[in-house]
Amino acid sequence: MQGSYEKQLAELQQALAAEVKRLQGSLHAREVVSLSRKLDQLVVEMMRKGEQ
């Protein structure tokens, strides 16, 4: 179960990274950094929940 969760999380991280790269063309750098930080926080929160 844990391995499956980690695989899903890795896939989500890749999808988010691809989306951020796609958005970088249309957003200002400051907005991209802000979005990137929010996504990182979200991933960390999800990892914590997965460990519980």
PDB file of N, CA and C in Angstrom:
ATOM      1  N   MET A   1       0.831  -1.203   0.000  1.00  0.00           N
ATOM      2  CA  MET A   1       0.000   0.000   0.000  1.00  0.00           C
ATOM      3  C   MET A   1       0.867   1.255   0.000  1.00  0.00           C
ATOM      4  N   GLN A   2       1.863   1.275   0.876  1.00  0.00           N
ATOM      5  CA  GLN A   2       2.746   2.439   0.988  1.00  0.00           C
ATOM      6  C   GLN A   2       3.455   2.719  -0.341  1.00  0.00           C
ATOM      7  N   GLY A   3       3.947   1.665  -0.985  1.00  0.00           N
ATOM      8  CA  GLY A   3       4.647   1.822  -2.256  1.00  0.00           C
ATOM      9  C   GLY A   3       3.749   2.423  -3.326  1.00  0.00           C
ATOM     10  N   SER A   4       2.500   1.995  -3.346  1.00  0.00           N
ATOM     11  CA  SER A   4       1.525   2.507  -4.299  1.00  0.00           C
ATOM     12  C   SER A   4       1.284   3.993  -4.062  1.00  0.00           C
ATOM     13  N   TYR A   5       1.179   4.376  -2.795  1.00  0.00           N
ATOM     14  CA  TYR A   5       0.961   5.785  -2.446  1.00  0.00           C
ATOM     15  C   TYR A   5       2.138   6.628  -2.912  1.00  0.00           C
ATOM     16  N   GLU A   6       3.362   6.139  -2.670  1.00  0.00           N
ATOM     17  CA  GLU A   6       4.563   6.877  -3.064  1.00  0.00           C
ATOM     18  C   GLU A   6       4.651   7.004  -4.582  1.00  0.00           C
ATOM     19  N   LYS A   7       4.232   5.956  -5.282  1.00  0.00           N
ATOM     20  CA  LYS A   7       4.241   5.999  -6.750  1.00  0.00           C
ATOM     21  C   LYS A   7       3.258   7.059  -7.240  1.00  0.00           C
ATOM     22  N   GLN A   8       2.070   7.087  -6.644  1.00  0.00           N
ATOM     23  CA  GLN A   8       1.073   8.094  -7.009  1.00  0.00           C
ATOM     24  C   GLN A   8       1.608   9.492  -6.744  1.00  0.00           C
ATOM     25  N   LEU A   9       2.261   9.665  -5.609  1.00  0.00           N
ATOM     26  CA  LEU A   9       2.807  10.961  -5.232  1.00  0.00           C
ATOM     27  C   LEU A   9       3.879  11.397  -6.227  1.00  0.00           C
ATOM     28  N   ALA A  10       4.743  10.470  -6.625  1.00  0.00           N
ATOM     29  CA  ALA A  10       5.795  10.777  -7.604  1.00  0.00           C
ATOM     30  C   ALA A  10       5.175  11.185  -8.941  1.00  0.00           C
ATOM     31  N   GLU A  11       4.126  10.478  -9.354  1.00  0.00           N
ATOM     32  CA  GLU A  11       3.436  10.812 -10.603  1.00  0.00           C
ATOM     33  C   GLU A  11       2.802  12.190 -10.506  1.00  0.00           C
ATOM     34  N   LEU A  12       2.221  12.500  -9.350  1.00  0.00           N
ATOM     35  CA  LEU A  12       1.612  13.807  -9.131  1.00  0.00           C
ATOM     36  C   LEU A  12       2.665  14.905  -9.196  1.00  0.00           C
ATOM     37  N   GLN A  13       3.811  14.672  -8.555  1.00  0.00           N
ATOM     38  CA  GLN A  13       4.894  15.656  -8.584  1.00  0.00           C
ATOM     39  C   GLN A  13       5.345  15.919 -10.015  1.00  0.00           C
ATOM     40  N   GLN A  14       5.473  14.863 -10.815  1.00  0.00           N
ATOM     41  CA  GLN A  14       5.891  15.018 -12.211  1.00  0.00           C
ATOM     42  C   GLN A  14       4.851  15.815 -12.992  1.00  0.00           C
ATOM     43  N   ALA A  15       3.583  15.513 -12.761  1.00  0.00           N
ATOM     44  CA  ALA A  15       2.510  16.217 -13.453  1.00  0.00           C
ATOM     45  C   ALA A  15       2.497  17.697 -13.065  1.00  0.00           C
ATOM     46  N   LEU A  16       2.687  17.973 -11.775  1.00  0.00           N
ATOM     47  CA  LEU A  16       2.717  19.357 -11.310  1.00  0.00           C
ATOM     48  C   LEU A  16       3.911  20.100 -11.894  1.00  0.00           C
ATOM     49  N   ALA A  17       5.062  19.448 -11.927  1.00  0.00           N
ATOM     50  CA  ALA A  17       6.265  20.079 -12.487  1.00  0.00           C
ATOM     51  C   ALA A  17       6.049  20.409 -13.967  1.00  0.00           C
ATOM     52  N   ALA A  18       5.432  19.487 -14.699  1.00  0.00           N
ATOM     53  CA  ALA A  18       5.150  19.716 -16.117  1.00  0.00           C
ATOM     54  C   ALA A  18       4.185  20.885 -16.284  1.00  0.00           C
ATOM     55  N   GLU A  19       3.191  20.956 -15.420  1.00  0.00           N
ATOM     56  CA  GLU A  19       2.207  22.035 -15.476  1.00  0.00           C
ATOM     57  C   GLU A  19       2.860  23.376 -15.158  1.00  0.00           C
ATOM     58  N   VAL A  20       3.728  23.406 -14.154  1.00  0.00           N
ATOM     59  CA  VAL A  20       4.438  24.643 -13.806  1.00  0.00           C
ATOM     60  C   VAL A  20       5.281  25.101 -14.996  1.00  0.00           C
ATOM     61  N   LYS A  21       5.985  24.162 -15.633  1.00  0.00           N
ATOM     62  CA  LYS A  21       6.802  24.514 -16.808  1.00  0.00           C
ATOM     63  C   LYS A  21       5.923  25.083 -17.911  1.00  0.00           C
ATOM     64  N   ARG A  22       4.756  24.481 -18.118  1.00  0.00           N
ATOM     65  CA  ARG A  22       3.835  24.937 -19.158  1.00  0.00           C
ATOM     66  C   ARG A  22       3.350  26.354 -18.845  1.00  0.00           C
ATOM     67  N   LEU A  23       3.055  26.597 -17.564  1.00  0.00           N
ATOM     68  CA  LEU A  23       2.541  27.899 -17.147  1.00  0.00           C
ATOM     69  C   LEU A  23       3.611  28.986 -17.165  1.00  0.00           C
ATOM     70  N   GLN A  24       4.873  28.596 -17.025  1.00  0.00           N
ATOM     71  CA  GLN A  24       5.947  29.587 -16.973  1.00  0.00           C
ATOM     72  C   GLN A  24       5.948  30.497 -18.193  1.00  0.00           C
ATOM     73  N   GLY A  25       5.523  29.969 -19.324  1.00  0.00           N
ATOM     74  CA  GLY A  25       5.471  30.782 -20.536  1.00  0.00           C
ATOM     75  C   GLY A  25       4.458  31.907 -20.451  1.00  0.00           C
ATOM     76  N   SER A  26       3.389  31.726 -19.677  1.00  0.00           N
ATOM     77  CA  SER A  26       2.308  32.706 -19.643  1.00  0.00           C
ATOM     78  C   SER A  26       2.219  33.495 -18.338  1.00  0.00           C
ATOM     79  N   LEU A  27       2.942  33.056 -17.315  1.00  0.00           N
ATOM     80  CA  LEU A  27       2.898  33.767 -16.035  1.00  0.00           C
ATOM     81  C   LEU A  27       4.183  34.547 -15.810  1.00  0.00           C
ATOM     82  N   HIS A  28       4.090  35.552 -14.970  1.00  0.00           N
ATOM     83  CA  HIS A  28       5.295  36.279 -14.570  1.00  0.00           C
ATOM     84  C   HIS A  28       6.094  35.409 -13.602  1.00  0.00           C
ATOM     85  N   ALA A  29       7.394  35.596 -13.590  1.00  0.00           N
ATOM     86  CA  ALA A  29       8.293  34.776 -12.769  1.00  0.00           C
ATOM     87  C   ALA A  29       7.859  34.739 -11.308  1.00  0.00           C
ATOM     88  N   ARG A  30       7.441  35.870 -10.764  1.00  0.00           N
ATOM     89  CA  ARG A  30       7.047  35.940  -9.357  1.00  0.00           C
ATOM     90  C   ARG A  30       5.854  35.018  -9.087  1.00  0.00           C
ATOM     91  N   GLU A  31       4.900  35.020  -9.993  1.00  0.00           N
ATOM     92  CA  GLU A  31       3.727  34.152  -9.833  1.00  0.00           C
ATOM     93  C   GLU A  31       4.119  32.684  -9.903  1.00  0.00           C
ATOM     94  N   VAL A  32       5.051  32.361 -10.785  1.00  0.00           N
ATOM     95  CA  VAL A  32       5.506  30.974 -10.926  1.00  0.00           C
ATOM     96  C   VAL A  32       6.181  30.507  -9.645  1.00  0.00           C
ATOM     97  N   VAL A  33       7.037  31.356  -9.063  1.00  0.00           N
ATOM     98  CA  VAL A  33       7.724  31.001  -7.813  1.00  0.00           C
ATOM     99  C   VAL A  33       6.702  30.779  -6.709  1.00  0.00           C
ATOM    100  N   SER A  34       5.718  31.655  -6.610  1.00  0.00           N
ATOM    101  CA  SER A  34       4.668  31.537  -5.598  1.00  0.00           C
ATOM    102  C   SER A  34       3.890  30.231  -5.785  1.00  0.00           C
ATOM    103  N   LEU A  35       3.509  29.940  -7.017  1.00  0.00           N
ATOM    104  CA  LEU A  35       2.771  28.716  -7.323  1.00  0.00           C
ATOM    105  C   LEU A  35       3.612  27.490  -7.000  1.00  0.00           C
ATOM    106  N   SER A  36       4.875  27.556  -7.373  1.00  0.00           N
ATOM    107  CA  SER A  36       5.797  26.449  -7.134  1.00  0.00           C
ATOM    108  C   SER A  36       5.914  26.149  -5.640  1.00  0.00           C
ATOM    109  N   ARG A  37       6.022  27.195  -4.822  1.00  0.00           N
ATOM    110  CA  ARG A  37       6.104  27.022  -3.362  1.00  0.00           C
ATOM    111  C   ARG A  37       4.832  26.391  -2.817  1.00  0.00           C
ATOM    112  N   LYS A  38       3.691  26.854  -3.306  1.00  0.00           N
ATOM    113  CA  LYS A  38       2.409  26.303  -2.847  1.00  0.00           C
ATOM    114  C   LYS A  38       2.309  24.821  -3.193  1.00  0.00           C
ATOM    115  N   LEU A  39       2.737  24.458  -4.396  1.00  0.00           N
ATOM    116  CA  LEU A  39       2.690  23.054  -4.809  1.00  0.00           C
ATOM    117  C   LEU A  39       3.625  22.211  -3.958  1.00  0.00           C
ATOM    118  N   ASP A  40       4.818  22.751  -3.664  1.00  0.00           N
ATOM    119  CA  ASP A  40       5.763  22.029  -2.804  1.00  0.00           C
ATOM    120  C   ASP A  40       5.152  21.783  -1.430  1.00  0.00           C
ATOM    121  N   GLN A  41       4.501  22.803  -0.864  1.00  0.00           N
ATOM    122  CA  GLN A  41       3.866  22.667   0.451  1.00  0.00           C
ATOM    123  C   GLN A  41       2.776  21.604   0.403  1.00  0.00           C
ATOM    124  N   LEU A  42       2.006  21.605  -0.673  1.00  0.00           N
ATOM    125  CA  LEU A  42       0.928  20.633  -0.839  1.00  0.00           C
ATOM    126  C   LEU A  42       1.484  19.211  -0.871  1.00  0.00           C
ATOM    127  N   VAL A  43       2.562  19.019  -1.625  1.00  0.00           N
ATOM    128  CA  VAL A  43       3.182  17.692  -1.726  1.00  0.00           C
ATOM    129  C   VAL A  43       3.692  17.240  -0.364  1.00  0.00           C
ATOM    130  N   VAL A  44       4.332  18.151   0.374  1.00  0.00           N
ATOM    131  CA  VAL A  44       4.847  17.816   1.708  1.00  0.00           C
ATOM    132  C   VAL A  44       3.696  17.418   2.633  1.00  0.00           C
ATOM    133  N   GLU A  45       2.594  18.177   2.592  1.00  0.00           N
ATOM    134  CA  GLU A  45       1.428  17.849   3.424  1.00  0.00           C
ATOM    135  C   GLU A  45       0.877  16.475   3.063  1.00  0.00           C
ATOM    136  N   MET A  46       0.814  16.176   1.776  1.00  0.00           N
ATOM    137  CA  MET A  46       0.300  14.877   1.336  1.00  0.00           C
ATOM    138  C   MET A  46       1.214  13.749   1.796  1.00  0.00           C
ATOM    139  N   MET A  47       2.517  13.981   1.762  1.00  0.00           N
ATOM    140  CA  MET A  47       3.464  12.964   2.220  1.00  0.00           C
ATOM    141  C   MET A  47       3.273  12.699   3.709  1.00  0.00           C
ATOM    142  N   ARG A  48       3.078  13.760   4.481  1.00  0.00           N
ATOM    143  CA  ARG A  48       2.854  13.604   5.928  1.00  0.00           C
ATOM    144  C   ARG A  48       1.592  12.798   6.190  1.00  0.00           C
ATOM    145  N   LYS A  49       0.527  13.103   5.457  1.00  0.00           N
ATOM    146  CA  LYS A  49      -0.729  12.374   5.626  1.00  0.00           C
ATOM    147  C   LYS A  49      -0.555  10.912   5.254  1.00  0.00           C
ATOM    148  N   GLY A  50       0.245  10.654   4.230  1.00  0.00           N
ATOM    149  CA  GLY A  50       0.485   9.287   3.783  1.00  0.00           C
ATOM    150  C   GLY A  50       1.259   8.472   4.797  1.00  0.00           C
ATOM    151  N   GLU A  51       2.093   9.145   5.594  1.00  0.00           N
ATOM    152  CA  GLU A  51       2.902   8.443   6.591  1.00  0.00           C
ATOM    153  C   GLU A  51       2.090   8.084   7.828  1.00  0.00           C
ATOM    154  N   GLN A  52       0.992   8.782   8.045  1.00  0.00           N
ATOM    155  CA  GLN A  52       0.178   8.535   9.242  1.00  0.00           C
ATOM    156  C   GLN A  52      -0.574   7.218   9.130  1.00  0.00           C
TER     157      GLN A  52
END
